[in-house]
C-alpha atoms as a PDB file:
ATOM      1  CA  MET A   1      -4.393  -2.444  34.681  1.00  0.00           C
ATOM      2  CA  LEU A   2      -4.654  -5.777  36.422  1.00  0.00           C
ATOM      3  CA  LYS A   3      -2.209  -6.744  39.091  1.00  0.00           C
ATOM      4  CA  LYS A   4      -0.091  -9.850  38.460  1.00  0.00           C
ATOM      5  CA  SER A   5      -2.209 -12.010  40.779  1.00  0.00           C
ATOM      6  CA  GLN A   6      -5.389 -10.909  39.001  1.00  0.00           C
ATOM      7  CA  ALA A   7      -3.803 -11.594  35.599  1.00  0.00           C
ATOM      8  CA  LYS A   8      -2.967 -15.157  36.685  1.00  0.00           C
ATOM      9  CA  ILE A   9      -6.578 -15.716  37.723  1.00  0.00           C
ATOM     10  CA  VAL A  10      -7.815 -14.456  34.335  1.00  0.00           C
ATOM     11  CA  GLN A  11      -5.440 -16.846  32.553  1.00  0.00           C
ATOM     12  CA  LYS A  12      -7.022 -19.775  34.401  1.00  0.00           C
ATOM     13  CA  LEU A  13     -10.536 -18.898  33.282  1.00  0.00           C
ATOM     14  CA  ASN A  14     -12.102 -21.001  30.546  1.00  0.00           C
ATOM     15  CA  TYR A  15     -13.225 -19.540  27.240  1.00  0.00           C
ATOM     16  CA  HIS A  16     -16.806 -18.815  28.291  1.00  0.00           C
ATOM     17  CA  GLU A  17     -15.710 -17.199  31.557  1.00  0.00           C
ATOM     18  CA  ARG A  18     -13.274 -14.997  29.622  1.00  0.00           C
ATOM     19  CA  LEU A  19     -16.024 -14.064  27.196  1.00  0.00           C
ATOM     20  CA  GLU A  20     -18.264 -13.080  30.102  1.00  0.00           C
ATOM     21  CA  LEU A  21     -15.399 -11.033  31.545  1.00  0.00           C
ATOM     22  CA  ALA A  22     -14.973  -9.321  28.166  1.00  0.00           C
ATOM     23  CA  HIS A  23     -18.647  -8.307  28.219  1.00  0.00           C
ATOM     24  CA  THR A  24     -18.182  -6.927  31.727  1.00  0.00           C
ATOM     25  CA  GLU A  25     -15.184  -4.894  30.531  1.00  0.00           C
ATOM     26  CA  ALA A  26     -17.299  -3.523  27.655  1.00  0.00           C
ATOM     27  CA  ASN A  27     -20.140  -2.590  30.014  1.00  0.00           C
ATOM     28  CA  GLU A  28     -17.634  -0.810  32.261  1.00  0.00           C
ATOM     29  CA  GLN A  29     -16.072   0.858  29.200  1.00  0.00           C
ATOM     30  CA  ASN A  30     -12.653  -0.491  30.137  1.00  0.00           C
ATOM     31  CA  TRP A  31     -11.519  -0.509  26.507  1.00  0.00           C
ATOM     32  CA  GLY A  32      -7.838  -1.252  27.115  1.00  0.00           C
ATOM     33  CA  ARG A  33      -8.595  -4.291  29.225  1.00  0.00           C
ATOM     34  CA  LEU A  34     -11.277  -5.416  26.760  1.00  0.00           C
ATOM     35  CA  GLY A  35      -8.715  -5.304  23.954  1.00  0.00           C
ATOM     36  CA  GLN A  36      -6.392  -7.507  26.001  1.00  0.00           C
ATOM     37  CA  ASP A  37      -9.250  -9.891  26.784  1.00  0.00           C
ATOM     38  CA  LEU A  38     -10.061 -10.166  23.076  1.00  0.00           C
ATOM     39  CA  GLN A  39      -6.448 -10.955  22.217  1.00  0.00           C
ATOM     40  CA  GLN A  40      -6.476 -13.727  24.818  1.00  0.00           C
ATOM     41  CA  LEU A  41      -9.828 -15.050  23.636  1.00  0.00           C
ATOM     42  CA  LEU A  42      -8.669 -15.201  20.033  1.00  0.00           C
ATOM     43  CA  GLY A  43      -5.460 -16.966  21.075  1.00  0.00           C
ATOM     44  CA  ASP A  44      -7.345 -19.475  23.223  1.00  0.00           C
ATOM     45  CA  GLU A  45      -7.472 -23.051  21.963  1.00  0.00           C
ATOM     46  CA  ASP A  46     -11.222 -23.143  22.665  1.00  0.00           C
ATOM     47  CA  SER A  47     -11.750 -20.163  20.354  1.00  0.00           C
ATOM     48  CA  THR A  48     -10.746 -22.247  17.349  1.00  0.00           C
ATOM     49  CA  ARG A  49     -13.854 -24.317  18.045  1.00  0.00           C
ATOM     50  CA  ALA A  50     -16.011 -21.248  18.603  1.00  0.00           C
ATOM     51  CA  THR A  51     -19.167 -20.913  16.578  1.00  0.00           C
ATOM     52  CA  ALA A  52     -19.772 -18.269  13.960  1.00  0.00           C
ATOM     53  CA  ASP A  53     -22.039 -16.516  16.473  1.00  0.00           C
ATOM     54  CA  ALA A  54     -19.199 -16.353  18.987  1.00  0.00           C
ATOM     55  CA  THR A  55     -16.888 -14.934  16.323  1.00  0.00           C
ATOM     56  CA  ILE A  56     -19.420 -12.208  15.527  1.00  0.00           C
ATOM     57  CA  GLU A  57     -19.753 -11.538  19.253  1.00  0.00           C
ATOM     58  CA  LEU A  58     -15.984 -11.037  19.548  1.00  0.00           C
ATOM     59  CA  LEU A  59     -15.980  -8.873  16.425  1.00  0.00           C
ATOM     60  CA  ASN A  60     -18.706  -6.661  17.899  1.00  0.00           C
ATOM     61  CA  LEU A  61     -16.656  -6.246  21.072  1.00  0.00           C
ATOM     62  CA  ALA A  62     -13.580  -5.356  19.004  1.00  0.00           C
ATOM     63  CA  MET A  63     -15.638  -2.779  17.116  1.00  0.00           C
ATOM     64  CA  GLN A  64     -16.596  -1.187  20.445  1.00  0.00           C
ATOM     65  CA  VAL A  65     -12.935  -0.823  21.373  1.00  0.00           C
ATOM     66  CA  LEU A  66     -12.249   0.654  17.947  1.00  0.00           C
ATOM     67  CA  GLU A  67     -15.086   3.162  18.265  1.00  0.00           C
ATOM     68  CA  TYR A  68     -14.689   4.232  21.886  1.00  0.00           C
ATOM     69  CA  GLY A  69     -11.152   3.418  23.012  1.00  0.00           C
ATOM     70  CA  SER A  70      -8.131   5.670  23.179  1.00  0.00           C
ATOM     71  CA  PHE A  71      -5.623   5.849  20.345  1.00  0.00           C
ATOM     72  CA  HIS A  72      -3.513   3.196  22.091  1.00  0.00           C
ATOM     73  CA  ASP A  73      -6.540   0.923  22.626  1.00  0.00           C
ATOM     74  CA  ARG A  74      -7.471   1.294  18.954  1.00  0.00           C
ATOM     75  CA  TRP A  75      -3.925   0.586  17.854  1.00  0.00           C
ATOM     76  CA  GLU A  76      -3.786  -2.622  19.883  1.00  0.00           C
ATOM     77  CA  VAL A  77      -7.225  -3.908  18.871  1.00  0.00           C
ATOM     78  CA  SER A  78      -6.569  -3.152  15.197  1.00  0.00           C
ATOM     79  CA  LYS A  79      -4.049  -5.992  15.263  1.00  0.00           C
ATOM     80  CA  ILE A  80      -6.725  -8.641  15.824  1.00  0.00           C
ATOM     81  CA  PHE A  81      -9.169  -7.819  13.020  1.00  0.00           C
ATOM     82  CA  SER A  82      -7.399 -10.126  10.585  1.00  0.00           C
ATOM     83  CA  SER A  83      -8.400 -12.976  12.921  1.00  0.00           C
ATOM     84  CA  PHE A  84     -12.038 -12.343  12.013  1.00  0.00           C
ATOM     85  CA  GLY A  85     -11.363 -12.663   8.302  1.00  0.00           C
ATOM     86  CA  THR A  86     -13.790 -11.127   5.848  1.00  0.00           C
ATOM     87  CA  ALA A  87     -16.492 -10.903   8.549  1.00  0.00           C
ATOM     88  CA  SER A  88     -14.853  -7.676   9.693  1.00  0.00           C
ATOM     89  CA  ILE A  89     -15.104  -5.968   6.286  1.00  0.00           C
ATOM     90  CA  ALA A  90     -18.776  -4.902   6.431  1.00  0.00           C
ATOM     91  CA  PRO A  91     -18.690  -3.315   9.915  1.00  0.00           C
ATOM     92  CA  LEU A  92     -15.490  -1.451   9.059  1.00  0.00           C
ATOM     93  CA  ILE A  93     -16.985  -0.155   5.817  1.00  0.00           C
ATOM     94  CA  ASN A  94     -20.039   0.965   7.793  1.00  0.00           C
ATOM     95  CA  LEU A  95     -17.685   3.066   9.929  1.00  0.00           C
ATOM     96  CA  LEU A  96     -16.286   4.670   6.795  1.00  0.00           C
ATOM     97  CA  ASP A  97     -19.783   5.459   5.542  1.00  0.00           C
ATOM     98  CA  ASP A  98     -20.826   7.037   8.845  1.00  0.00           C
ATOM     99  CA  GLU A  99     -20.540  10.798   8.374  1.00  0.00           C
ATOM    100  CA  ASP A 100     -20.666  11.310  12.151  1.00  0.00           C
ATOM    101  CA  ALA A 101     -17.843   8.870  12.904  1.00  0.00           C
ATOM    102  CA  ASP A 102     -14.701  10.130  14.578  1.00  0.00           C
ATOM    103  CA  PRO A 103     -12.066  10.790  11.859  1.00  0.00           C
ATOM    104  CA  GLU A 104      -9.509   8.863  13.919  1.00  0.00           C
ATOM    105  CA  VAL A 105     -11.815   5.835  13.983  1.00  0.00           C
ATOM    106  CA  GLN A 106     -12.215   6.084  10.221  1.00  0.00           C
ATOM    107  CA  TRP A 107      -8.429   6.287   9.853  1.00  0.00           C
ATOM    108  CA  PHE A 108      -8.121   3.038  11.815  1.00  0.00           C
ATOM    109  CA  ALA A 109     -10.900   1.435   9.773  1.00  0.00           C
ATOM    110  CA  VAL A 110      -9.005   2.224   6.557  1.00  0.00           C
ATOM    111  CA  ARG A 111      -5.765   0.939   8.056  1.00  0.00           C
ATOM    112  CA  ILE A 112      -7.439  -2.343   8.994  1.00  0.00           C
ATOM    113  CA  LEU A 113      -9.305  -2.685   5.692  1.00  0.00           C
ATOM    114  CA  GLY A 114      -5.988  -2.312   3.890  1.00  0.00           C
ATOM    115  CA  GLN A 115      -5.158  -5.820   5.134  1.00  0.00           C
ATOM    116  CA  PHE A 116      -7.948  -7.328   3.019  1.00  0.00           C
ATOM    117  CA  ASP A 117      -7.388  -7.626  -0.722  1.00  0.00           C
ATOM    118  CA  HIS A 118     -11.094  -7.847  -1.439  1.00  0.00           C
ATOM    119  CA  PRO A 119     -13.180  -6.132  -4.147  1.00  0.00           C
ATOM    120  CA  GLN A 120     -15.618  -4.761  -1.562  1.00  0.00           C
ATOM    121  CA  VAL A 121     -12.712  -3.108   0.283  1.00  0.00           C
ATOM    122  CA  VAL A 122     -11.284  -1.607  -2.901  1.00  0.00           C
ATOM    123  CA  GLU A 123     -14.685  -0.198  -3.852  1.00  0.00           C
ATOM    124  CA  ALA A 124     -15.208   1.329  -0.399  1.00  0.00           C
ATOM    125  CA  LEU A 125     -11.737   2.869  -0.301  1.00  0.00           C
ATOM    126  CA  ILE A 126     -12.135   4.390  -3.769  1.00  0.00           C
ATOM    127  CA  GLU A 127     -15.449   5.867  -2.654  1.00  0.00           C
ATOM    128  CA  VAL A 128     -13.676   7.487   0.296  1.00  0.00           C
ATOM    129  CA  LEU A 129     -11.166   9.034  -2.116  1.00  0.00           C
ATOM    130  CA  LYS A 130     -14.017  10.447  -4.194  1.00  0.00           C
ATOM    131  CA  THR A 131     -15.929  11.941  -1.265  1.00  0.00           C
ATOM    132  CA  SER A 132     -13.549  12.710   1.582  1.00  0.00           C
ATOM    133  CA  GLN A 133     -12.144  16.168   2.152  1.00  0.00           C
ATOM    134  CA  SER A 134      -9.713  14.905   4.815  1.00  0.00           C
ATOM    135  CA  GLU A 135      -6.089  14.845   3.685  1.00  0.00           C
ATOM    136  CA  ASP A 136      -5.146  12.473   6.515  1.00  0.00           C
ATOM    137  CA  LEU A 137      -7.871  10.018   5.604  1.00  0.00           C
ATOM    138  CA  ASN A 138      -7.114  10.221   1.876  1.00  0.00           C
ATOM    139  CA  SER A 139      -3.435   9.661   2.595  1.00  0.00           C
ATOM    140  CA  ILE A 140      -4.058   6.424   4.483  1.00  0.00           C
ATOM    141  CA  VAL A 141      -6.562   5.331   1.793  1.00  0.00           C
ATOM    142  CA  ILE A 142      -3.906   5.793  -0.897  1.00  0.00           C
ATOM    143  CA  SER A 143      -1.425   3.795   1.180  1.00  0.00           C
ATOM    144  CA  ALA A 144      -3.967   1.022   1.684  1.00  0.00           C
ATOM    145  CA  LEU A 145      -4.891   0.904  -2.001  1.00  0.00           C
ATOM    146  CA  ALA A 146      -1.221   0.764  -2.991  1.00  0.00           C
ATOM    147  CA  ASN A 147      -0.961  -2.574  -1.185  1.00  0.00           C
ATOM    148  CA  LEU A 148      -4.054  -4.146  -2.736  1.00  0.00           C
ATOM    149  CA  LYS A 149      -3.708  -6.099  -5.981  1.00  0.00           C
ATOM    150  CA  ASP A 150      -7.368  -5.601  -6.920  1.00  0.00           C
ATOM    151  CA  ALA A 151      -6.997  -1.825  -6.659  1.00  0.00           C
ATOM    152  CA  VAL A 152      -5.001  -1.277  -9.860  1.00  0.00           C
ATOM    153  CA  SER A 153      -7.757  -2.361 -12.250  1.00  0.00           C
ATOM    154  CA  ALA A 154     -10.371  -0.465 -10.230  1.00  0.00           C
ATOM    155  CA  LEU A 155      -8.306   2.730 -10.292  1.00  0.00           C
ATOM    156  CA  GLU A 156      -7.589   2.713 -14.046  1.00  0.00           C
ATOM    157  CA  PRO A 157     -10.929   4.329 -15.030  1.00  0.00           C
ATOM    158  CA  LEU A 158     -10.310   7.152 -12.569  1.00  0.00           C
END
């Protein structure tokens, strides 16, 4: 955790300096701090002018926190995925499809995907229901599908 004086210095950094700091945090596997950096970067006025490449860069960093962070780190970073819009759908679905992925990471992926009422999300979540043996994962999938308008028509044939 940064001391107050260090936090003030970080706040004075420009967007590109914060982005560089975020990469340093990722390299040092400081997932909690990286999550905080990402929240600041996404709230930064300069980030609204960021290129699509920069958005993908931030998304990739967020995915690292999701994959390797603690439960708390994952919980905090899961709040920012909506900022990436539909760009976050494919990498999250890839996590669901990864048989070697940590079940907790998959749980978070489903939780985040449940924020996107998108046909691709509905299809991926239904596939999880068909193939997963995990009651915890299936439970969160059902909760996510219950909140998606597109899910009803996709579930009727089942």
